[in-house]
Amino acid sequence: MGVGKKLAAQCAAVFSARNIGGAQIEDVTEGVRKLEVMDDRRLVIMVGTNNLQQNGSEVVLRKFSTFIECCKARKNRTVTLIAFRGVLV
C-alpha cells in the first residue's frame, strides 16, 4: 500500500488520494481542472518524467507551466509540487 492510500485510510475525513500511473502532464492538468474550487485545500502533487529527450525541455516546461497555472486557478490554499526523475522546474 502506498503512502497516499495509507493516509487516506487513516485520515479519510481530511485527506484523499488519487493515483494516475502512467499519466501524462496533460492528464494530470485535466484532473486538477476538474477539482472544485476550495480555498482550504492543500494540494500535493508528485510528478516525474522520462521523456525529456523525446519531447525536449522547452515542451516539458511549457506543459508544467500550464499545469501550475491550472493549480493556481483552482484557488487551493497551498500547492506543493514534488518533482523527480528529470523534471525541470
PDB file of N, CA and C in Angstrom:
ATOM      1  N   MET A   1       0.852  -1.179   0.000  1.00  0.00           N
ATOM      2  CA  MET A   1       0.000   0.000   0.000  1.00  0.00           C
ATOM      3  C   MET A   1       0.895   1.239   0.000  1.00  0.00           C
ATOM      4  N   GLY A   2       0.584   2.191  -0.891  1.00  0.00           N
ATOM      5  CA  GLY A   2       1.375   3.404  -0.984  1.00  0.00           C
ATOM      6  C   GLY A   2       1.037   4.411   0.095  1.00  0.00           C
ATOM      7  N   VAL A   3       1.843   5.450   0.181  1.00  0.00           N
ATOM      8  CA  VAL A   3       1.666   6.495   1.192  1.00  0.00           C
ATOM      9  C   VAL A   3       0.287   7.134   1.080  1.00  0.00           C
ATOM     10  N   GLY A   4      -0.136   7.461  -0.139  1.00  0.00           N
ATOM     11  CA  GLY A   4      -1.430   8.098  -0.330  1.00  0.00           C
ATOM     12  C   GLY A   4      -2.582   7.264   0.194  1.00  0.00           C
ATOM     13  N   LYS A   5      -2.557   5.975  -0.099  1.00  0.00           N
ATOM     14  CA  LYS A   5      -3.631   5.094   0.369  1.00  0.00           C
ATOM     15  C   LYS A   5      -3.602   4.947   1.881  1.00  0.00           C
ATOM     16  N   LYS A   6      -2.414   4.896   2.471  1.00  0.00           N
ATOM     17  CA  LYS A   6      -2.316   4.808   3.934  1.00  0.00           C
ATOM     18  C   LYS A   6      -2.881   6.059   4.589  1.00  0.00           C
ATOM     19  N   LEU A   7      -2.526   7.218   4.063  1.00  0.00           N
ATOM     20  CA  LEU A   7      -3.049   8.461   4.623  1.00  0.00           C
ATOM     21  C   LEU A   7      -4.562   8.548   4.452  1.00  0.00           C
ATOM     22  N   ALA A   8      -5.060   8.126   3.304  1.00  0.00           N
ATOM     23  CA  ALA A   8      -6.500   8.144   3.071  1.00  0.00           C
ATOM     24  C   ALA A   8      -7.222   7.226   4.049  1.00  0.00           C
ATOM     25  N   ALA A   9      -6.630   6.062   4.337  1.00  0.00           N
ATOM     26  CA  ALA A   9      -7.244   5.124   5.279  1.00  0.00           C
ATOM     27  C   ALA A   9      -7.234   5.669   6.700  1.00  0.00           C
ATOM     28  N   GLN A  10      -6.158   6.367   7.067  1.00  0.00           N
ATOM     29  CA  GLN A  10      -6.021   6.871   8.430  1.00  0.00           C
ATOM     30  C   GLN A  10      -6.720   8.211   8.646  1.00  0.00           C
ATOM     31  N   CYS A  11      -6.820   9.012   7.606  1.00  0.00           N
ATOM     32  CA  CYS A  11      -7.315  10.385   7.757  1.00  0.00           C
ATOM     33  C   CYS A  11      -8.364  10.716   6.705  1.00  0.00           C
ATOM     34  N   ALA A  12      -9.283   9.818   6.471  1.00  0.00           N
ATOM     35  CA  ALA A  12     -10.259   9.976   5.389  1.00  0.00           C
ATOM     36  C   ALA A  12     -11.068  11.268   5.490  1.00  0.00           C
ATOM     37  N   ALA A  13     -11.263  11.776   6.679  1.00  0.00           N
ATOM     38  CA  ALA A  13     -12.056  12.998   6.842  1.00  0.00           C
ATOM     39  C   ALA A  13     -11.351  14.233   6.279  1.00  0.00           C
ATOM     40  N   VAL A  14     -10.021  14.201   6.213  1.00  0.00           N
ATOM     41  CA  VAL A  14      -9.286  15.383   5.770  1.00  0.00           C
ATOM     42  C   VAL A  14      -8.329  15.108   4.611  1.00  0.00           C
ATOM     43  N   PHE A  15      -8.283  13.875   4.127  1.00  0.00           N
ATOM     44  CA  PHE A  15      -7.299  13.523   3.106  1.00  0.00           C
ATOM     45  C   PHE A  15      -7.915  12.585   2.081  1.00  0.00           C
ATOM     46  N   SER A  16      -7.612  12.828   0.830  1.00  0.00           N
ATOM     47  CA  SER A  16      -7.976  11.875  -0.219  1.00  0.00           C
ATOM     48  C   SER A  16      -6.793  11.765  -1.174  1.00  0.00           C
ATOM     49  N   ALA A  17      -6.669  10.630  -1.795  1.00  0.00           N
ATOM     50  CA  ALA A  17      -5.541  10.373  -2.695  1.00  0.00           C
ATOM     51  C   ALA A  17      -6.054   9.919  -4.047  1.00  0.00           C
ATOM     52  N   ARG A  18      -5.347  10.345  -5.071  1.00  0.00           N
ATOM     53  CA  ARG A  18      -5.624   9.883  -6.428  1.00  0.00           C
ATOM     54  C   ARG A  18      -4.302   9.482  -7.045  1.00  0.00           C
ATOM     55  N   ASN A  19      -4.292   8.357  -7.691  1.00  0.00           N
ATOM     56  CA  ASN A  19      -3.089   7.858  -8.347  1.00  0.00           C
ATOM     57  C   ASN A  19      -3.401   7.686  -9.822  1.00  0.00           C
ATOM     58  N   ILE A  20      -2.608   8.344 -10.662  1.00  0.00           N
ATOM     59  CA  ILE A  20      -2.809   8.246 -12.105  1.00  0.00           C
ATOM     60  C   ILE A  20      -1.499   7.740 -12.713  1.00  0.00           C
ATOM     61  N   GLY A  21      -1.208   6.467 -12.507  1.00  0.00           N
ATOM     62  CA  GLY A  21       0.025   5.888 -13.026  1.00  0.00           C
ATOM     63  C   GLY A  21       0.092   5.962 -14.537  1.00  0.00           C
ATOM     64  N   GLY A  22       1.231   6.369 -15.059  1.00  0.00           N
ATOM     65  CA  GLY A  22       1.429   6.449 -16.498  1.00  0.00           C
ATOM     66  C   GLY A  22       0.785   7.653 -17.156  1.00  0.00           C
ATOM     67  N   ALA A  23       0.179   8.517 -16.358  1.00  0.00           N
ATOM     68  CA  ALA A  23      -0.492   9.694 -16.920  1.00  0.00           C
ATOM     69  C   ALA A  23       0.533  10.692 -17.445  1.00  0.00           C
ATOM     70  N   GLN A  24       0.141  11.410 -18.447  1.00  0.00           N
ATOM     71  CA  GLN A  24       0.967  12.498 -18.954  1.00  0.00           C
ATOM     72  C   GLN A  24       0.546  13.779 -18.247  1.00  0.00           C
ATOM     73  N   ILE A  25       1.383  14.806 -18.332  1.00  0.00           N
ATOM     74  CA  ILE A  25       1.110  16.052 -17.623  1.00  0.00           C
ATOM     75  C   ILE A  25      -0.244  16.640 -18.035  1.00  0.00           C
ATOM     76  N   GLU A  26      -0.638  16.436 -19.281  1.00  0.00           N
ATOM     77  CA  GLU A  26      -1.935  16.926 -19.722  1.00  0.00           C
ATOM     78  C   GLU A  26      -3.071  16.229 -18.964  1.00  0.00           C
ATOM     79  N   ASP A  27      -2.901  14.941 -18.680  1.00  0.00           N
ATOM     80  CA  ASP A  27      -3.909  14.187 -17.932  1.00  0.00           C
ATOM     81  C   ASP A  27      -4.044  14.715 -16.506  1.00  0.00           C
ATOM     82  N   VAL A  28      -2.911  14.981 -15.877  1.00  0.00           N
ATOM     83  CA  VAL A  28      -2.921  15.494 -14.504  1.00  0.00           C
ATOM     84  C   VAL A  28      -3.498  16.909 -14.487  1.00  0.00           C
ATOM     85  N   THR A  29      -3.131  17.719 -15.466  1.00  0.00           N
ATOM     86  CA  THR A  29      -3.675  19.072 -15.566  1.00  0.00           C
ATOM     87  C   THR A  29      -5.190  19.018 -15.682  1.00  0.00           C
ATOM     88  N   GLU A  30      -5.709  18.130 -16.512  1.00  0.00           N
ATOM     89  CA  GLU A  30      -7.153  17.991 -16.677  1.00  0.00           C
ATOM     90  C   GLU A  30      -7.807  17.533 -15.371  1.00  0.00           C
ATOM     91  N   GLY A  31      -7.143  16.635 -14.639  1.00  0.00           N
ATOM     92  CA  GLY A  31      -7.666  16.196 -13.345  1.00  0.00           C
ATOM     93  C   GLY A  31      -7.766  17.339 -12.355  1.00  0.00           C
ATOM     94  N   VAL A  32      -6.763  18.197 -12.332  1.00  0.00           N
ATOM     95  CA  VAL A  32      -6.782  19.371 -11.444  1.00  0.00           C
ATOM     96  C   VAL A  32      -7.874  20.328 -11.889  1.00  0.00           C
ATOM     97  N   ARG A  33      -8.033  20.502 -13.201  1.00  0.00           N
ATOM     98  CA  ARG A  33      -9.069  21.392 -13.737  1.00  0.00           C
ATOM     99  C   ARG A  33     -10.466  20.974 -13.274  1.00  0.00           C
ATOM    100  N   LYS A  34     -10.662  19.678 -13.083  1.00  0.00           N
ATOM    101  CA  LYS A  34     -11.965  19.146 -12.687  1.00  0.00           C
ATOM    102  C   LYS A  34     -12.232  19.279 -11.181  1.00  0.00           C
ATOM    103  N   LEU A  35     -11.207  19.610 -10.399  1.00  0.00           N
ATOM    104  CA  LEU A  35     -11.397  19.783  -8.960  1.00  0.00           C
ATOM    105  C   LEU A  35     -12.268  21.001  -8.688  1.00  0.00           C
ATOM    106  N   GLU A  36     -13.122  20.887  -7.690  1.00  0.00           N
ATOM    107  CA  GLU A  36     -13.894  22.062  -7.310  1.00  0.00           C
ATOM    108  C   GLU A  36     -12.977  23.071  -6.629  1.00  0.00           C
ATOM    109  N   VAL A  37     -13.336  24.337  -6.713  1.00  0.00           N
ATOM    110  CA  VAL A  37     -12.565  25.390  -6.064  1.00  0.00           C
ATOM    111  C   VAL A  37     -12.731  25.239  -4.560  1.00  0.00           C
ATOM    112  N   MET A  38     -11.605  25.166  -3.834  1.00  0.00           N
ATOM    113  CA  MET A  38     -11.631  25.034  -2.371  1.00  0.00           C
ATOM    114  C   MET A  38     -10.491  25.849  -1.786  1.00  0.00           C
ATOM    115  N   ASP A  39     -10.832  26.936  -1.127  1.00  0.00           N
ATOM    116  CA  ASP A  39      -9.808  27.811  -0.564  1.00  0.00           C
ATOM    117  C   ASP A  39      -8.981  27.151   0.524  1.00  0.00           C
ATOM    118  N   ASP A  40      -9.499  26.087   1.145  1.00  0.00           N
ATOM    119  CA  ASP A  40      -8.768  25.476   2.258  1.00  0.00           C
ATOM    120  C   ASP A  40      -8.050  24.179   1.863  1.00  0.00           C
ATOM    121  N   ARG A  41      -8.073  23.805   0.594  1.00  0.00           N
ATOM    122  CA  ARG A  41      -7.406  22.569   0.163  1.00  0.00           C
ATOM    123  C   ARG A  41      -5.893  22.777   0.062  1.00  0.00           C
ATOM    124  N   ARG A  42      -5.173  21.797   0.526  1.00  0.00           N
ATOM    125  CA  ARG A  42      -3.720  21.735   0.344  1.00  0.00           C
ATOM    126  C   ARG A  42      -3.464  20.640  -0.676  1.00  0.00           C
ATOM    127  N   LEU A  43      -3.065  21.041  -1.853  1.00  0.00           N
ATOM    128  CA  LEU A  43      -2.868  20.122  -2.964  1.00  0.00           C
ATOM    129  C   LEU A  43      -1.404  19.727  -3.032  1.00  0.00           C
ATOM    130  N   VAL A  44      -1.131  18.425  -2.971  1.00  0.00           N
ATOM    131  CA  VAL A  44       0.239  17.911  -3.063  1.00  0.00           C
ATOM    132  C   VAL A  44       0.289  16.992  -4.274  1.00  0.00           C
ATOM    133  N   ILE A  45       1.193  17.290  -5.183  1.00  0.00           N
ATOM    134  CA  ILE A  45       1.290  16.509  -6.410  1.00  0.00           C
ATOM    135  C   ILE A  45       2.723  16.052  -6.589  1.00  0.00           C
ATOM    136  N   MET A  46       2.881  14.750  -6.814  1.00  0.00           N
ATOM    137  CA  MET A  46       4.195  14.155  -7.089  1.00  0.00           C
ATOM    138  C   MET A  46       4.229  13.813  -8.570  1.00  0.00           C
ATOM    139  N   VAL A  47       5.218  14.353  -9.272  1.00  0.00           N
ATOM    140  CA  VAL A  47       5.308  14.138 -10.709  1.00  0.00           C
ATOM    141  C   VAL A  47       6.719  13.769 -11.106  1.00  0.00           C
ATOM    142  N   GLY A  48       6.815  13.139 -12.232  1.00  0.00           N
ATOM    143  CA  GLY A  48       8.113  12.810 -12.803  1.00  0.00           C
ATOM    144  C   GLY A  48       7.955  12.606 -14.293  1.00  0.00           C
ATOM    145  N   THR A  49       9.058  12.562 -14.982  1.00  0.00           N
ATOM    146  CA  THR A  49       9.004  12.338 -16.424  1.00  0.00           C
ATOM    147  C   THR A  49      10.220  11.535 -16.862  1.00  0.00           C
ATOM    148  N   ASN A  50      10.026  10.826 -17.922  1.00  0.00           N
ATOM    149  CA  ASN A  50      11.151  10.114 -18.527  1.00  0.00           C
ATOM    150  C   ASN A  50      11.210  10.410 -20.016  1.00  0.00           C
ATOM    151  N   ASN A  51      10.570  11.485 -20.434  1.00  0.00           N
ATOM    152  CA  ASN A  51      10.540  11.793 -21.862  1.00  0.00           C
ATOM    153  C   ASN A  51      11.126  13.160 -22.217  1.00  0.00           C
ATOM    154  N   LEU A  52      12.088  13.622 -21.435  1.00  0.00           N
ATOM    155  CA  LEU A  52      12.728  14.900 -21.748  1.00  0.00           C
ATOM    156  C   LEU A  52      13.429  14.856 -23.100  1.00  0.00           C
ATOM    157  N   GLN A  53      14.102  13.758 -23.388  1.00  0.00           N
ATOM    158  CA  GLN A  53      14.799  13.651 -24.669  1.00  0.00           C
ATOM    159  C   GLN A  53      13.813  13.586 -25.826  1.00  0.00           C
ATOM    160  N   GLN A  54      12.725  12.894 -25.632  1.00  0.00           N
ATOM    161  CA  GLN A  54      11.726  12.734 -26.686  1.00  0.00           C
ATOM    162  C   GLN A  54      11.019  14.055 -26.990  1.00  0.00           C
ATOM    163  N   ASN A  55      10.550  14.765 -25.951  1.00  0.00           N
ATOM    164  CA  ASN A  55       9.762  15.975 -26.143  1.00  0.00           C
ATOM    165  C   ASN A  55      10.589  17.252 -26.100  1.00  0.00           C
ATOM    166  N   GLY A  56      11.734  17.205 -25.465  1.00  0.00           N
ATOM    167  CA  GLY A  56      12.549  18.395 -25.311  1.00  0.00           C
ATOM    168  C   GLY A  56      12.149  19.189 -24.079  1.00  0.00           C
ATOM    169  N   SER A  57      13.114  19.859 -23.487  1.00  0.00           N
ATOM    170  CA  SER A  57      12.869  20.560 -22.231  1.00  0.00           C
ATOM    171  C   SER A  57      11.896  21.721 -22.394  1.00  0.00           C
ATOM    172  N   GLU A  58      11.910  22.410 -23.540  1.00  0.00           N
ATOM    173  CA  GLU A  58      11.000  23.542 -23.729  1.00  0.00           C
ATOM    174  C   GLU A  58       9.545  23.101 -23.709  1.00  0.00           C
ATOM    175  N   VAL A  59       9.247  21.987 -24.349  1.00  0.00           N
ATOM    176  CA  VAL A  59       7.882  21.462 -24.383  1.00  0.00           C
ATOM    177  C   VAL A  59       7.455  21.048 -22.980  1.00  0.00           C
ATOM    178  N   VAL A  60       8.329  20.330 -22.274  1.00  0.00           N
ATOM    179  CA  VAL A  60       8.010  19.875 -20.923  1.00  0.00           C
ATOM    180  C   VAL A  60       7.802  21.077 -20.000  1.00  0.00           C
ATOM    181  N   LEU A  61       8.657  22.080 -20.085  1.00  0.00           N
ATOM    182  CA  LEU A  61       8.499  23.281 -19.259  1.00  0.00           C
ATOM    183  C   LEU A  61       7.198  24.012 -19.570  1.00  0.00           C
ATOM    184  N   ARG A  62       6.819  24.087 -20.824  1.00  0.00           N
ATOM    185  CA  ARG A  62       5.565  24.740 -21.198  1.00  0.00           C
ATOM    186  C   ARG A  62       4.372  23.976 -20.604  1.00  0.00           C
ATOM    187  N   LYS A  63       4.418  22.645 -20.660  1.00  0.00           N
ATOM    188  CA  LYS A  63       3.334  21.828 -20.100  1.00  0.00           C
ATOM    189  C   LYS A  63       3.252  22.002 -18.585  1.00  0.00           C
ATOM    190  N   PHE A  64       4.410  22.061 -17.909  1.00  0.00           N
ATOM    191  CA  PHE A  64       4.408  22.263 -16.462  1.00  0.00           C
ATOM    192  C   PHE A  64       3.924  23.659 -16.106  1.00  0.00           C
ATOM    193  N   SER A  65       4.247  24.643 -16.914  1.00  0.00           N
ATOM    194  CA  SER A  65       3.764  25.999 -16.671  1.00  0.00           C
ATOM    195  C   SER A  65       2.244  26.048 -16.754  1.00  0.00           C
ATOM    196  N   THR A  66       1.682  25.392 -17.751  1.00  0.00           N
ATOM    197  CA  THR A  66       0.226  25.309 -17.891  1.00  0.00           C
ATOM    198  C   THR A  66      -0.372  24.597 -16.685  1.00  0.00           C
ATOM    199  N   PHE A  67       0.265  23.526 -16.262  1.00  0.00           N
ATOM    200  CA  PHE A  67      -0.188  22.757 -15.100  1.00  0.00           C
ATOM    201  C   PHE A  67      -0.199  23.616 -13.840  1.00  0.00           C
ATOM    202  N   ILE A  68       0.870  24.351 -13.593  1.00  0.00           N
ATOM    203  CA  ILE A  68       0.981  25.196 -12.395  1.00  0.00           C
ATOM    204  C   ILE A  68      -0.080  26.300 -12.427  1.00  0.00           C
ATOM    205  N   GLU A  69      -0.303  26.903 -13.581  1.00  0.00           N
ATOM    206  CA  GLU A  69      -1.336  27.935 -13.693  1.00  0.00           C
ATOM    207  C   GLU A  69      -2.717  27.354 -13.406  1.00  0.00           C
ATOM    208  N   CYS A  70      -2.944  26.117 -13.836  1.00  0.00           N
ATOM    209  CA  CYS A  70      -4.211  25.444 -13.554  1.00  0.00           C
ATOM    210  C   CYS A  70      -4.378  25.232 -12.053  1.00  0.00           C
ATOM    211  N   CYS A  71      -3.306  24.835 -11.364  1.00  0.00           N
ATOM    212  CA  CYS A  71      -3.353  24.654  -9.906  1.00  0.00           C
ATOM    213  C   CYS A  71      -3.698  25.964  -9.217  1.00  0.00           C
ATOM    214  N   LYS A  72      -3.117  27.056  -9.673  1.00  0.00           N
ATOM    215  CA  LYS A  72      -3.398  28.370  -9.093  1.00  0.00           C
ATOM    216  C   LYS A  72      -4.856  28.767  -9.320  1.00  0.00           C
ATOM    217  N   ALA A  73      -5.381  28.441 -10.470  1.00  0.00           N
ATOM    218  CA  ALA A  73      -6.748  28.813 -10.817  1.00  0.00           C
ATOM    219  C   ALA A  73      -7.784  28.099  -9.947  1.00  0.00           C
ATOM    220  N   ARG A  74      -7.429  26.959  -9.395  1.00  0.00           N
ATOM    221  CA  ARG A  74      -8.353  26.217  -8.532  1.00  0.00           C
ATOM    222  C   ARG A  74      -8.414  26.819  -7.142  1.00  0.00           C
ATOM    223  N   LYS A  75      -7.626  27.822  -6.879  1.00  0.00           N
ATOM    224  CA  LYS A  75      -7.626  28.561  -5.611  1.00  0.00           C
ATOM    225  C   LYS A  75      -7.403  27.659  -4.399  1.00  0.00           C
ATOM    226  N   ASN A  76      -6.448  26.762  -4.513  1.00  0.00           N
ATOM    227  CA  ASN A  76      -6.059  25.927  -3.383  1.00  0.00           C
ATOM    228  C   ASN A  76      -5.374  26.789  -2.330  1.00  0.00           C
ATOM    229  N   ARG A  77      -5.441  26.364  -1.083  1.00  0.00           N
ATOM    230  CA  ARG A  77      -4.749  27.105  -0.025  1.00  0.00           C
ATOM    231  C   ARG A  77      -3.241  27.067  -0.275  1.00  0.00           C
ATOM    232  N   THR A  78      -2.723  25.880  -0.554  1.00  0.00           N
ATOM    233  CA  THR A  78      -1.324  25.720  -0.926  1.00  0.00           C
ATOM    234  C   THR A  78      -1.225  24.653  -2.005  1.00  0.00           C
ATOM    235  N   VAL A  79      -0.179  24.751  -2.795  1.00  0.00           N
ATOM    236  CA  VAL A  79       0.134  23.729  -3.791  1.00  0.00           C
ATOM    237  C   VAL A  79       1.587  23.350  -3.584  1.00  0.00           C
ATOM    238  N   THR A  80       1.829  22.057  -3.377  1.00  0.00           N
ATOM    239  CA  THR A  80       3.186  21.543  -3.247  1.00  0.00           C
ATOM    240  C   THR A  80       3.438  20.617  -4.420  1.00  0.00           C
ATOM    241  N   LEU A  81       4.476  20.900  -5.163  1.00  0.00           N
ATOM    242  CA  LEU A  81       4.840  20.092  -6.314  1.00  0.00           C
ATOM    243  C   LEU A  81       6.148  19.382  -5.999  1.00  0.00           C
ATOM    244  N   ILE A  82       6.100  18.067  -5.990  1.00  0.00           N
ATOM    245  CA  ILE A  82       7.289  17.259  -5.748  1.00  0.00           C
ATOM    246  C   ILE A  82       7.685  16.657  -7.085  1.00  0.00           C
ATOM    247  N   ALA A  83       8.823  17.082  -7.593  1.00  0.00           N
ATOM    248  CA  ALA A  83       9.267  16.651  -8.917  1.00  0.00           C
ATOM    249  C   ALA A  83      10.511  15.776  -8.797  1.00  0.00           C
ATOM    250  N   PHE A  84      10.584  14.765  -9.628  1.00  0.00           N
ATOM    251  CA  PHE A  84      11.719  13.847  -9.604  1.00  0.00           C
ATOM    252  C   PHE A  84      11.959  13.279 -10.997  1.00  0.00           C
ATOM    253  N   ARG A  85      13.093  12.661 -11.158  1.00  0.00           N
ATOM    254  CA  ARG A  85      13.475  11.930 -12.358  1.00  0.00           C
ATOM    255  C   ARG A  85      13.459  12.762 -13.629  1.00  0.00           C
ATOM    256  N   GLY A  86      14.309  13.747 -13.664  1.00  0.00           N
ATOM    257  CA  GLY A  86      14.490  14.505 -14.899  1.00  0.00           C
ATOM    258  C   GLY A  86      13.523  15.644 -15.120  1.00  0.00           C
ATOM    259  N   VAL A  87      12.763  16.028 -14.133  1.00  0.00           N
ATOM    260  CA  VAL A  87      11.821  17.121 -14.306  1.00  0.00           C
ATOM    261  C   VAL A  87      12.546  18.443 -14.117  1.00  0.00           C
ATOM    262  N   LEU A  88      12.304  19.356 -15.029  1.00  0.00           N
ATOM    263  CA  LEU A  88      12.876  20.699 -14.920  1.00  0.00           C
ATOM    264  C   LEU A  88      11.813  21.620 -14.368  1.00  0.00           C
ATOM    265  N   VAL A  89      12.033  22.174 -13.194  1.00  0.00           N
ATOM    266  CA  VAL A  89      11.056  23.091 -12.601  1.00  0.00           C
ATOM    267  C   VAL A  89      11.747  24.395 -12.274  1.00  0.00           C
TER     268      VAL A  89
END
